[in-house]
Amino acid sequence: MTPIMLELLFRSLWETILMTVASGVISLVAGLPLGLALVATARGGIAENLWINRVLGAGINGFRSVPFIILLVALIPLTRLIVGTALGTWAAIVPLAIAATPYYARIAEVSLREVDRGLIDAVRAMGGNRWTIIREVLVPEALPGIVAGFTVTLVTLIGASAMAGAIGAGGLGDLAIRYGYQRFETSVMIAVVAVLIVLVCGIQWLGDLLVARLDHR
């Protein structure tokens, strides 16, 4: 690869990392409360409200059922409203975050549901309120699963960010399409695939390491 292509590769890698991290943080900040709300309002939950639970569940399932490439196009007006353009790295963060939030909410919900019911009942018996249960029991006990789910979400976002490159979002996907596919530069395609493999393996390794430490705390 030429020096120019190497420069493009590193710039595309940075754009992919930026899209993944920014949308991942948004999905964590928005998805974890949604997961908590689903668990809390479920039957037998600490704030049981089946009507709210069904509405939240339907909304989350609705967004999760839309293929990302369709969601990407459908959200163009909203993306333009928020960032002023539908092209580029920052524009891609909007649909990536919206797609990842319900996905992560369901993953967080599964981890939170696995918390021992006896611990919740014990805190209730000692006079703990809902916020105490969430802060002292649900989140700490489910933390390894929450982190593992966030790692999976980040890996999924890397693939989605590559797909976003199909409509000019930048990143490694855009580089692979413009040079590796459209210009038949096999070396570029191989380099992009190799970088994506290393990136995914690195994130998964860090996530697994963190989960292992949380499990042995």
Protein backbone atom coordinates (compact mmCIF):
# COMPACT_ATOMS: atom_id res chain seq x y z
CA MET A 1 0.00 0.00 0.00
CA THR A 2 1.14 3.51 -0.80
CA PRO A 3 1.78 6.12 1.95
CA ILE A 4 -1.39 7.93 0.89
CA MET A 5 -3.46 4.77 1.29
CA LEU A 6 -1.88 4.10 4.68
CA GLU A 7 -2.84 7.60 5.76
CA LEU A 8 -6.39 7.00 4.56
CA LEU A 9 -6.46 3.69 6.43
CA PHE A 10 -5.41 5.27 9.74
CA ARG A 11 -7.86 8.13 9.29
CA SER A 12 -10.66 5.68 8.52
CA LEU A 13 -9.71 3.63 11.59
CA TRP A 14 -9.98 6.74 13.76
CA GLU A 15 -13.38 7.56 12.27
CA THR A 16 -14.61 4.03 12.98
CA ILE A 17 -13.35 4.21 16.58
CA LEU A 18 -15.02 7.61 17.03
CA MET A 19 -18.36 6.36 15.68
CA THR A 20 -18.21 3.20 17.79
CA VAL A 21 -17.21 4.87 21.06
CA ALA A 22 -19.59 7.83 20.77
CA SER A 23 -22.62 5.77 19.82
CA GLY A 24 -21.64 3.09 22.36
CA VAL A 25 -21.53 5.58 25.21
CA ILE A 26 -24.92 6.99 24.18
CA SER A 27 -26.39 3.48 24.03
CA LEU A 28 -25.02 2.74 27.51
CA VAL A 29 -26.36 5.97 29.02
CA ALA A 30 -29.79 5.52 27.41
CA GLY A 31 -30.04 1.72 27.22
CA LEU A 32 -29.19 0.84 30.82
CA PRO A 33 -32.04 2.97 32.28
CA LEU A 34 -34.39 1.40 29.73
CA GLY A 35 -33.28 -2.07 30.82
CA LEU A 36 -33.79 -1.10 34.46
CA ALA A 37 -37.25 0.26 33.64
CA LEU A 38 -38.20 -2.99 31.89
CA VAL A 39 -37.14 -5.06 34.88
CA ALA A 40 -38.63 -2.73 37.48
CA THR A 41 -42.04 -2.46 35.81
CA ALA A 42 -42.36 -6.16 34.96
CA ARG A 43 -44.71 -8.44 36.86
CA GLY A 44 -43.37 -8.76 40.41
CA GLY A 45 -40.85 -5.96 39.84
CA ILE A 46 -39.96 -3.27 42.35
CA ALA A 47 -42.19 -0.78 40.52
CA GLU A 48 -44.67 -3.11 38.82
CA ASN A 49 -46.62 -1.41 36.06
CA LEU A 50 -47.55 -3.75 33.24
CA TRP A 51 -48.94 -0.98 31.03
CA ILE A 52 -45.66 0.95 31.04
CA ASN A 53 -43.73 -2.29 30.64
CA ARG A 54 -45.70 -3.29 27.54
CA VAL A 55 -45.37 0.15 25.95
CA LEU A 56 -41.61 0.22 26.56
CA GLY A 57 -41.23 -3.34 25.31
CA ALA A 58 -43.22 -2.63 22.16
CA GLY A 59 -41.18 0.48 21.39
CA ILE A 60 -37.88 -1.31 21.93
CA ASN A 61 -38.96 -4.28 19.84
CA GLY A 62 -40.14 -1.94 17.09
CA PHE A 63 -36.75 -0.29 16.72
CA ARG A 64 -34.91 -3.62 16.98
CA SER A 65 -37.01 -5.14 14.20
CA VAL A 66 -35.95 -2.53 11.60
CA PRO A 67 -32.80 -3.53 9.64
CA PHE A 68 -30.01 -1.05 10.29
CA ILE A 69 -29.57 0.00 6.66
CA ILE A 70 -33.28 0.92 6.48
CA LEU A 71 -33.12 2.74 9.82
CA LEU A 72 -30.07 4.59 8.55
CA VAL A 73 -32.01 5.98 5.60
CA ALA A 74 -35.25 6.57 7.53
CA LEU A 75 -33.42 8.70 10.13
CA ILE A 76 -31.80 11.03 7.59
CA PRO A 77 -34.25 13.91 8.37
CA LEU A 78 -33.59 13.54 12.11
CA THR A 79 -29.85 13.31 11.51
CA ARG A 80 -29.91 16.52 9.48
CA LEU A 81 -31.94 18.20 12.22
CA ILE A 82 -29.43 17.22 14.92
CA VAL A 83 -26.04 17.59 13.20
CA GLY A 84 -26.94 19.62 10.11
CA THR A 85 -25.93 16.98 7.58
CA ALA A 86 -26.66 13.38 6.66
CA LEU A 87 -23.09 12.60 5.58
CA GLY A 88 -19.90 12.06 7.52
CA THR A 89 -18.81 10.50 10.79
CA TRP A 90 -20.85 12.68 13.14
CA ALA A 91 -23.99 12.12 11.10
CA ALA A 92 -23.55 8.35 11.38
CA ILE A 93 -23.43 8.52 15.18
CA VAL A 94 -27.14 9.46 15.35
CA PRO A 95 -28.59 6.31 13.69
CA LEU A 96 -25.89 4.12 15.26
CA ALA A 97 -26.83 5.31 18.75
CA ILE A 98 -30.57 4.97 18.08
CA ALA A 99 -30.10 1.44 16.74
CA ALA A 100 -27.78 0.36 19.56
CA THR A 101 -29.83 1.73 22.47
CA PRO A 102 -32.77 -0.74 22.29
CA TYR A 103 -30.35 -3.54 21.48
CA TYR A 104 -28.33 -2.84 24.61
CA ALA A 105 -31.49 -2.27 26.69
CA ARG A 106 -32.56 -5.87 26.04
CA ILE A 107 -29.08 -7.20 26.86
CA ALA A 108 -29.04 -5.22 30.11
CA GLU A 109 -32.54 -6.46 30.92
CA VAL A 110 -31.40 -10.09 30.68
CA SER A 111 -28.47 -9.44 33.05
CA LEU A 112 -30.65 -7.56 35.54
CA ARG A 113 -33.27 -10.31 35.59
CA GLU A 114 -30.62 -12.81 36.71
CA VAL A 115 -30.03 -10.98 40.00
CA ASP A 116 -30.99 -13.16 42.97
CA ARG A 117 -34.52 -12.29 44.04
CA GLY A 118 -33.59 -13.08 47.64
CA LEU A 119 -31.16 -10.13 47.75
CA ILE A 120 -33.89 -7.76 46.57
CA ASP A 121 -36.32 -9.09 49.18
CA ALA A 122 -33.66 -8.74 51.89
CA VAL A 123 -33.06 -5.07 51.08
CA ARG A 124 -36.81 -4.48 50.99
CA ALA A 125 -37.16 -6.12 54.42
CA MET A 126 -34.52 -3.74 55.79
CA GLY A 127 -36.51 -0.75 54.56
CA GLY A 128 -34.64 -0.08 51.34
CA ASN A 129 -36.54 1.91 48.73
CA ARG A 130 -36.53 1.41 44.95
CA TRP A 131 -33.48 3.56 44.34
CA THR A 132 -31.56 1.75 47.06
CA ILE A 133 -32.40 -1.60 45.45
CA ILE A 134 -31.27 -0.34 42.04
CA ARG A 135 -28.09 1.27 43.37
CA GLU A 136 -27.05 -1.35 45.91
CA VAL A 137 -28.38 -4.61 44.47
CA LEU A 138 -29.50 -4.64 40.83
CA VAL A 139 -26.65 -2.75 39.15
CA PRO A 140 -23.73 -4.07 41.30
CA GLU A 141 -24.88 -7.69 41.09
CA ALA A 142 -25.56 -7.51 37.34
CA LEU A 143 -22.40 -5.51 36.55
CA PRO A 144 -20.38 -8.36 34.96
CA GLY A 145 -23.30 -9.11 32.61
CA ILE A 146 -23.83 -5.42 31.93
CA VAL A 147 -20.17 -5.01 30.94
CA ALA A 148 -20.21 -8.19 28.85
CA GLY A 149 -23.34 -6.97 27.07
CA PHE A 150 -21.75 -3.58 26.43
CA THR A 151 -18.75 -5.33 24.89
CA VAL A 152 -21.04 -7.23 22.53
CA THR A 153 -22.80 -3.97 21.68
CA LEU A 154 -19.50 -2.28 20.79
CA VAL A 155 -18.55 -5.18 18.53
CA THR A 156 -21.96 -4.98 16.84
CA LEU A 157 -21.50 -1.22 16.38
CA ILE A 158 -18.22 -1.78 14.56
CA GLY A 159 -20.06 -3.88 11.98
CA ALA A 160 -22.87 -1.34 11.76
CA SER A 161 -20.41 1.54 11.31
CA ALA A 162 -18.87 -0.33 8.39
CA MET A 163 -22.36 -0.66 6.90
CA ALA A 164 -22.90 3.07 7.39
CA GLY A 165 -19.94 3.64 5.09
CA ALA A 166 -22.21 2.59 2.21
CA ILE A 167 -23.93 5.99 2.37
CA GLY A 168 -20.85 8.12 2.95
CA ALA A 169 -20.45 7.92 6.72
CA GLY A 170 -16.69 7.55 6.52
CA GLY A 171 -14.69 4.98 8.44
CA LEU A 172 -13.29 1.64 7.37
CA GLY A 173 -16.50 0.60 5.62
CA ASP A 174 -16.41 3.64 3.38
CA LEU A 175 -12.73 3.01 2.58
CA ALA A 176 -13.41 -0.63 1.71
CA ILE A 177 -16.31 0.27 -0.57
CA ARG A 178 -14.67 3.20 -2.38
CA TYR A 179 -11.25 1.65 -2.92
CA GLY A 180 -11.45 -2.07 -2.22
CA TYR A 181 -14.76 -2.70 -4.05
CA GLN A 182 -15.34 0.09 -6.57
CA ARG A 183 -11.68 0.43 -7.63
CA PHE A 184 -10.81 -3.27 -7.27
CA GLU A 185 -7.85 -2.60 -4.95
CA THR A 186 -7.59 -5.97 -3.24
CA SER A 187 -4.79 -4.86 -0.91
CA VAL A 188 -7.06 -2.17 0.57
CA MET A 189 -9.88 -4.64 1.16
CA ILE A 190 -7.50 -7.11 2.84
CA ALA A 191 -6.05 -4.34 5.02
CA VAL A 192 -9.51 -3.16 6.10
CA VAL A 193 -10.61 -6.70 6.99
CA ALA A 194 -7.40 -7.28 8.95
CA VAL A 195 -7.79 -4.03 10.89
CA LEU A 196 -11.44 -4.81 11.67
CA ILE A 197 -10.47 -8.28 12.97
CA VAL A 198 -7.79 -6.79 15.22
CA LEU A 199 -10.16 -4.07 16.44
CA VAL A 200 -12.95 -6.52 17.29
CA CYS A 201 -10.58 -8.96 18.98
CA GLY A 202 -9.02 -6.12 20.99
CA ILE A 203 -12.38 -4.84 22.24
CA GLN A 204 -13.57 -8.36 23.08
CA TRP A 205 -10.35 -9.11 24.95
CA LEU A 206 -10.59 -5.92 27.02
CA GLY A 207 -14.25 -6.60 27.75
CA ASP A 208 -13.57 -10.19 28.82
CA LEU A 209 -10.69 -9.02 31.03
CA LEU A 210 -12.91 -6.48 32.78
CA VAL A 211 -15.70 -9.01 33.24
CA ALA A 212 -13.25 -11.52 34.78
CA ARG A 213 -12.05 -8.91 37.27
CA LEU A 214 -15.62 -7.96 38.19
CA ASP A 215 -16.51 -11.63 38.71
CA HIS A 216 -13.65 -12.02 41.20
CA ARG A 217 -14.14 -8.80 43.15
